[in-house]
């Protein structure tokens, strides 16, 4: 079996990142026994300058992408349907705001050191998209981390300090410098890029082809 390094560059308030991760993981299930993966979740902030109170989703999408209410509704239904097909629940009635995610990325960096990054990533995506929780609120982040099996006191200490801030900014800048301007960006073996929330079949084909090109 070939084991591939996968850098999954994404944000926890990016719906296509949730779709892309679900599709990638299902592709890995399909290739189980042939292709394995070490997934490293890398930070990307869609809205690094959002204030502490966040911004209403409708207002945000209208300002950023020029969407009117009809376009917003169509977009949300398309995302909801794609998620449902992959087993991921988007509840657009539960969430009304988009939040700054820098502290969430600091926790994810720590989770990578602790060895449970994927569990925390899933917990954050579910908290925001399925439950409508505020993933910039530090008490909420501590609760999410604790439910995902992490030490609550340690999570509180990290969020109450500037710990891992430099590491997160350095990683963000690295991927931006190397041409990543949208997410999800799935980088396999540090050189093969799959962009966007692609279907399971696209990820499956990429995994098989890349693994086949790696010497035993």
Protein backbone atom coordinates (compact mmCIF):
# COMPACT_ATOMS: atom_id res chain seq x y z
CA UNK A 1 0.00 0.00 0.00
CA UNK A 2 1.24 3.51 -0.87
CA UNK A 3 0.83 6.19 1.79
CA UNK A 4 0.48 9.72 0.44
CA UNK A 5 1.05 13.02 2.21
CA UNK A 6 -1.98 15.26 1.75
CA UNK A 7 -2.01 18.91 2.75
CA UNK A 8 -5.63 20.02 2.99
CA UNK A 9 -5.60 23.82 2.86
CA UNK A 10 -8.96 25.12 4.05
CA UNK A 11 -11.06 27.24 6.37
CA UNK A 12 -13.65 26.04 8.89
CA UNK A 13 -16.32 28.45 7.55
CA UNK A 14 -15.86 27.35 3.93
CA UNK A 15 -18.76 25.11 2.84
CA UNK A 16 -16.87 23.71 -0.14
CA UNK A 17 -14.07 22.70 2.24
CA UNK A 18 -16.55 20.56 4.18
CA UNK A 19 -17.73 19.04 0.90
CA UNK A 20 -14.18 18.51 -0.34
CA UNK A 21 -13.08 16.81 2.87
CA UNK A 22 -16.08 14.47 2.85
CA UNK A 23 -15.41 13.56 -0.79
CA UNK A 24 -11.68 13.02 -0.16
CA UNK A 25 -12.37 10.76 2.81
CA UNK A 26 -14.87 8.70 0.82
CA UNK A 27 -12.28 8.38 -1.97
CA UNK A 28 -9.80 7.09 0.61
CA UNK A 29 -12.39 4.55 1.76
CA UNK A 30 -12.76 3.36 -1.83
CA UNK A 31 -8.99 2.94 -2.18
CA UNK A 32 -8.51 1.34 1.23
CA UNK A 33 -5.79 -1.29 1.12
CA UNK A 34 -4.23 0.31 -1.96
CA UNK A 35 -3.72 3.96 -0.99
CA UNK A 36 -3.31 5.43 2.47
CA UNK A 37 -2.96 9.04 3.50
CA UNK A 38 -1.45 11.26 6.14
CA UNK A 39 -3.68 14.35 6.09
CA UNK A 40 -2.27 17.63 7.38
CA UNK A 41 -4.84 20.39 7.76
CA UNK A 42 -3.33 23.72 6.76
CA UNK A 43 -4.77 27.15 7.60
CA UNK A 44 -6.45 29.54 5.21
CA UNK A 45 -8.66 32.44 6.29
CA UNK A 46 -11.40 33.43 3.87
CA UNK A 47 -12.07 36.59 5.88
CA UNK A 48 -9.02 37.46 8.00
CA UNK A 49 -10.21 41.01 8.66
CA UNK A 50 -13.66 40.20 10.04
CA UNK A 51 -14.38 41.97 13.35
CA UNK A 52 -15.09 40.09 16.57
CA UNK A 53 -18.86 40.30 16.04
CA UNK A 54 -18.59 38.67 12.60
CA UNK A 55 -20.93 39.57 9.76
CA UNK A 56 -24.37 38.50 8.61
CA UNK A 57 -24.11 35.83 5.91
CA UNK A 58 -26.48 37.55 3.48
CA UNK A 59 -24.75 40.88 3.93
CA UNK A 60 -21.33 39.25 3.61
CA UNK A 61 -22.08 37.33 0.40
CA UNK A 62 -23.75 40.34 -1.17
CA UNK A 63 -20.75 42.52 -0.38
CA UNK A 64 -18.10 39.97 -1.36
CA UNK A 65 -19.70 38.24 -4.35
CA UNK A 66 -22.61 40.49 -5.33
CA UNK A 67 -25.23 37.81 -4.60
CA UNK A 68 -28.87 38.83 -4.28
CA UNK A 69 -31.36 36.88 -2.13
CA UNK A 70 -32.43 34.57 -4.97
CA UNK A 71 -28.83 33.73 -5.85
CA UNK A 72 -28.03 33.15 -2.18
CA UNK A 73 -30.95 30.73 -1.83
CA UNK A 74 -29.91 28.83 -4.99
CA UNK A 75 -26.31 28.63 -3.79
CA UNK A 76 -27.34 27.36 -0.36
CA UNK A 77 -29.59 24.69 -1.86
CA UNK A 78 -26.80 23.49 -4.15
CA UNK A 79 -24.41 23.26 -1.20
CA UNK A 80 -27.03 21.55 0.99
CA UNK A 81 -27.71 18.93 -1.70
CA UNK A 82 -24.01 18.23 -2.31
CA UNK A 83 -23.44 17.86 1.40
CA UNK A 84 -26.44 15.56 1.85
CA UNK A 85 -25.18 13.27 -0.92
CA UNK A 86 -21.93 12.92 1.03
CA UNK A 87 -23.56 12.54 4.44
CA UNK A 88 -22.72 16.04 5.67
CA UNK A 89 -25.49 18.21 7.11
CA UNK A 90 -25.69 21.90 6.23
CA UNK A 91 -28.33 23.71 8.28
CA UNK A 92 -28.64 27.20 6.83
CA UNK A 93 -31.38 28.03 9.31
CA UNK A 94 -29.05 27.38 12.25
CA UNK A 95 -26.37 29.85 11.23
CA UNK A 96 -26.81 33.47 10.28
CA UNK A 97 -23.30 34.88 10.61
CA UNK A 98 -19.78 34.22 9.36
CA UNK A 99 -16.90 34.49 11.81
CA UNK A 100 -13.19 35.16 12.06
CA UNK A 101 -11.37 31.81 12.26
CA UNK A 102 -7.83 32.64 13.36
CA UNK A 103 -8.24 31.15 16.84
CA UNK A 104 -9.79 28.00 15.37
CA UNK A 105 -6.69 27.60 13.20
CA UNK A 106 -4.46 28.02 16.26
CA UNK A 107 -6.31 25.15 17.93
CA UNK A 108 -6.01 23.05 14.78
CA UNK A 109 -2.26 23.65 14.73
CA UNK A 110 -2.07 22.40 18.32
CA UNK A 111 -4.27 19.42 17.43
CA UNK A 112 -1.80 18.53 14.70
CA UNK A 113 0.98 18.37 17.29
CA UNK A 114 -1.22 16.28 19.59
CA UNK A 115 -2.13 13.87 16.80
CA UNK A 116 -5.90 14.42 16.65
CA UNK A 117 -6.22 17.10 14.01
CA UNK A 118 -8.83 15.37 11.87
CA UNK A 119 -11.19 14.88 14.81
CA UNK A 120 -11.03 18.58 15.69
CA UNK A 121 -11.45 19.62 12.05
CA UNK A 122 -14.62 17.55 11.78
CA UNK A 123 -15.89 18.92 15.08
CA UNK A 124 -15.36 22.53 13.98
CA UNK A 125 -17.04 22.01 10.59
CA UNK A 126 -20.02 20.33 12.22
CA UNK A 127 -20.25 22.99 14.94
CA UNK A 128 -20.44 25.77 12.38
CA UNK A 129 -22.34 24.30 9.46
CA UNK A 130 -24.66 21.81 11.18
CA UNK A 131 -25.20 23.54 14.53
CA UNK A 132 -24.66 27.22 13.72
CA UNK A 133 -22.17 27.79 16.55
CA UNK A 134 -19.82 30.77 16.79
CA UNK A 135 -16.39 29.36 15.95
CA UNK A 136 -14.66 32.61 16.87
CA UNK A 137 -15.94 32.57 20.46
CA UNK A 138 -13.22 31.19 22.72
CA UNK A 139 -15.53 29.51 25.20
CA UNK A 140 -17.27 27.77 22.30
CA UNK A 141 -13.93 26.68 20.85
CA UNK A 142 -12.85 25.24 24.20
CA UNK A 143 -16.13 23.31 24.40
CA UNK A 144 -15.68 21.97 20.87
CA UNK A 145 -12.10 20.93 21.60
CA UNK A 146 -13.13 19.19 24.81
CA UNK A 147 -15.92 17.27 23.06
CA UNK A 148 -13.36 16.18 20.45
CA UNK A 149 -11.19 14.67 23.18
CA UNK A 150 -8.69 17.44 23.83
CA UNK A 151 -7.52 18.81 27.16
CA UNK A 152 -9.82 21.70 28.05
CA UNK A 153 -7.36 23.50 30.31
CA UNK A 154 -4.69 23.38 27.62
CA UNK A 155 -7.12 24.67 24.98
CA UNK A 156 -8.07 27.55 27.30
CA UNK A 157 -4.40 28.38 27.87
CA UNK A 158 -3.67 28.46 24.13
CA UNK A 159 -6.65 30.68 23.34
CA UNK A 160 -5.85 32.99 26.24
CA UNK A 161 -2.37 33.59 24.89
CA UNK A 162 -0.75 34.19 21.51
CA UNK A 163 0.50 30.63 21.29
CA UNK A 164 0.81 29.23 17.74
CA UNK A 165 -0.17 32.58 16.20
CA UNK A 166 3.18 32.92 14.45
CA UNK A 167 3.07 29.35 13.19
CA UNK A 168 -0.42 29.81 11.73
CA UNK A 169 0.50 33.07 10.01
CA UNK A 170 3.67 31.53 8.61
CA UNK A 171 1.73 28.58 7.18
CA UNK A 172 -0.92 30.87 5.69
CA UNK A 173 1.75 33.00 4.05
CA UNK A 174 3.57 29.95 2.72
CA UNK A 175 0.57 28.64 0.83
CA UNK A 176 -0.44 32.09 -0.37
CA UNK A 177 3.07 32.71 -1.70
CA UNK A 178 2.87 29.39 -3.51
CA UNK A 179 -0.25 30.33 -5.42
CA UNK A 180 -3.12 29.18 -3.20
CA UNK A 181 -5.82 31.84 -3.44
CA UNK A 182 -8.95 29.73 -2.95
CA UNK A 183 -9.93 26.71 -0.90
CA UNK A 184 -10.17 23.85 -0.53
CA UNK A 185 -6.76 23.24 -2.05
CA UNK A 186 -5.76 19.61 -1.74
CA UNK A 187 -2.04 19.16 -2.30
CA UNK A 188 -0.89 15.57 -2.67
CA UNK A 189 2.77 14.66 -2.16
CA UNK A 190 3.56 18.41 -2.04
CA UNK A 191 3.21 18.79 -5.83
CA UNK A 192 -0.17 17.60 -7.15
CA UNK A 193 -3.06 20.04 -6.65
CA UNK A 194 -6.77 19.21 -6.65
CA UNK A 195 -8.79 22.41 -6.27
CA UNK A 196 -12.31 22.83 -4.96
CA UNK A 197 -15.02 20.55 -3.60
CA UNK A 198 -14.57 17.91 -6.27
CA UNK A 199 -16.68 14.73 -6.58
CA UNK A 200 -15.48 11.55 -4.90
CA UNK A 201 -14.53 10.08 -8.27
CA UNK A 202 -12.10 12.93 -9.02
CA UNK A 203 -10.27 12.41 -5.73
CA UNK A 204 -10.28 8.64 -6.19
CA UNK A 205 -8.73 8.91 -9.64
CA UNK A 206 -6.09 11.37 -8.42
CA UNK A 207 -5.15 9.16 -5.47
CA UNK A 208 -4.79 6.06 -7.64
CA UNK A 209 -2.81 7.82 -10.36
CA UNK A 210 -0.42 9.55 -7.98
CA UNK A 211 0.11 6.39 -5.91
CA UNK A 212 0.82 4.43 -9.10
CA UNK A 213 3.61 6.85 -9.99
CA UNK A 214 5.43 6.44 -6.68
CA UNK A 215 8.20 3.80 -6.66
CA UNK A 216 7.64 0.89 -4.29
